[in-house]
C-alpha atoms as a PDB file:
ATOM      1  CA  MET A   1       5.442   8.288   1.930  1.00  0.00           C
ATOM      2  CA  GLY A   2       6.108   8.062  -1.856  1.00  0.00           C
ATOM      3  CA  HIS A   3       3.971   5.415  -3.481  1.00  0.00           C
ATOM      4  CA  ASP A   4       3.408   3.313  -0.348  1.00  0.00           C
ATOM      5  CA  TRP A   5      -0.187   4.463  -0.114  1.00  0.00           C
ATOM      6  CA  ILE A   6      -1.218   2.825  -3.273  1.00  0.00           C
ATOM      7  CA  PHE A   7      -0.125  -0.611  -1.830  1.00  0.00           C
ATOM      8  CA  ASP A   8      -2.041   0.067   1.303  1.00  0.00           C
ATOM      9  CA  VAL A   9      -5.212   0.774  -0.822  1.00  0.00           C
ATOM     10  CA  LEU A  10      -4.794  -2.331  -2.992  1.00  0.00           C
ATOM     11  CA  VAL A  11      -4.057  -4.550   0.062  1.00  0.00           C
ATOM     12  CA  ASP A  12      -7.250  -3.169   1.749  1.00  0.00           C
ATOM     13  CA  LEU A  13      -9.380  -3.760  -1.362  1.00  0.00           C
ATOM     14  CA  ARG A  14      -8.014  -7.420  -1.639  1.00  0.00           C
ATOM     15  CA  GLN A  15      -8.823  -8.108   1.950  1.00  0.00           C
ATOM     16  CA  TYR A  16     -12.298  -6.542   1.589  1.00  0.00           C
ATOM     17  CA  ALA A  17     -12.924  -8.632  -1.450  1.00  0.00           C
ATOM     18  CA  VAL A  18     -11.882 -11.818   0.313  1.00  0.00           C
ATOM     19  CA  LYS A  19     -13.981 -11.060   3.315  1.00  0.00           C
ATOM     20  CA  ASN A  20     -17.019 -10.306   1.304  1.00  0.00           C
ATOM     21  CA  ASP A  21     -16.782 -13.414  -1.021  1.00  0.00           C
ATOM     22  CA  MET A  22     -15.684 -11.551  -4.171  1.00  0.00           C
ATOM     23  CA  PRO A  23     -12.944 -13.702  -5.483  1.00  0.00           C
ATOM     24  CA  LEU A  24     -12.676 -12.086  -8.944  1.00  0.00           C
ATOM     25  CA  LEU A  25     -12.219  -8.656  -7.312  1.00  0.00           C
ATOM     26  CA  ALA A  26      -9.603 -10.089  -4.901  1.00  0.00           C
ATOM     27  CA  ALA A  27      -7.723 -11.691  -7.769  1.00  0.00           C
ATOM     28  CA  GLN A  28      -7.870  -8.259  -9.703  1.00  0.00           C
ATOM     29  CA  ALA A  29      -6.512  -6.484  -6.606  1.00  0.00           C
ATOM     30  CA  GLN A  30      -3.691  -9.033  -6.298  1.00  0.00           C
ATOM     31  CA  GLU A  31      -2.908  -8.458  -9.902  1.00  0.00           C
ATOM     32  CA  ALA A  32      -2.907  -4.708  -9.527  1.00  0.00           C
ATOM     33  CA  LEU A  33      -0.470  -5.046  -6.673  1.00  0.00           C
ATOM     34  CA  VAL A  34       1.909  -7.055  -8.847  1.00  0.00           C
ATOM     35  CA  VAL A  35       1.554  -4.477 -11.693  1.00  0.00           C
ATOM     36  CA  ALA A  36       2.067  -1.476  -9.308  1.00  0.00           C
ATOM     37  CA  ARG A  37       5.159  -3.083  -7.722  1.00  0.00           C
ATOM     38  CA  ALA A  38       6.660  -3.615 -11.244  1.00  0.00           C
ATOM     39  CA  GLU A  39       5.832  -0.182 -12.563  1.00  0.00           C
ATOM     40  CA  ILE A  40       6.956   1.647  -9.461  1.00  0.00           C
ATOM     41  CA  ALA A  41      10.180  -0.333  -9.349  1.00  0.00           C
ATOM     42  CA  ARG A  42      10.779   0.438 -13.012  1.00  0.00           C
ATOM     43  CA  ARG A  43      10.242   4.219 -12.514  1.00  0.00           C
ATOM     44  CA  ASP A  44      12.356   4.291  -9.445  1.00  0.00           C
ATOM     45  CA  ALA A  45      15.162   2.378 -11.256  1.00  0.00           C
ATOM     46  CA  GLN A  46      14.998   4.707 -14.114  1.00  0.00           C
ATOM     47  CA  ALA A  47      15.042   7.759 -11.862  1.00  0.00           C
ATOM     48  CA  LYS A  48      18.235   6.426 -10.380  1.00  0.00           C
ATOM     49  CA  GLY A  49      19.752   5.429 -13.693  1.00  0.00           C
ATOM     50  CA  ARG A  50      19.872   1.745 -12.672  1.00  0.00           C
ATOM     51  CA  GLU A  51      17.384  -0.105 -14.741  1.00  0.00           C
ATOM     52  CA  SER A  52      19.234  -3.407 -13.860  1.00  0.00           C
ATOM     53  CA  ASP A  53      17.950  -3.000 -10.296  1.00  0.00           C
ATOM     54  CA  ILE A  54      14.331  -3.411 -11.258  1.00  0.00           C
ATOM     55  CA  GLY A  55      14.092  -7.065 -10.394  1.00  0.00           C
ATOM     56  CA  ARG A  56      15.629  -6.690  -7.107  1.00  0.00           C
ATOM     57  CA  ALA A  57      13.303  -3.721  -6.225  1.00  0.00           C
ATOM     58  CA  VAL A  58      10.299  -5.672  -7.128  1.00  0.00           C
ATOM     59  CA  ALA A  59      11.408  -8.726  -5.084  1.00  0.00           C
ATOM     60  CA  ARG A  60      12.048  -6.657  -1.998  1.00  0.00           C
ATOM     61  CA  ARG A  61       8.381  -5.348  -1.789  1.00  0.00           C
ATOM     62  CA  LYS A  62       6.340  -7.476   0.410  1.00  0.00           C
ATOM     63  CA  TYR A  63       2.505  -6.745  -0.090  1.00  0.00           C
END
């Protein structure tokens, strides 16, 4: 499971905001997804000792 749950929560929040005419909240949820991807990719790459893999890890996530 790892960190995947946070992406699910943020995607659900973004979808809720879109459906309920809350564009600012939807935009913030989208930004939070971007930040979460980057930070989790950075931590994962550091844990593996491969900081050069951060860009590829972020690019692979599709949320």
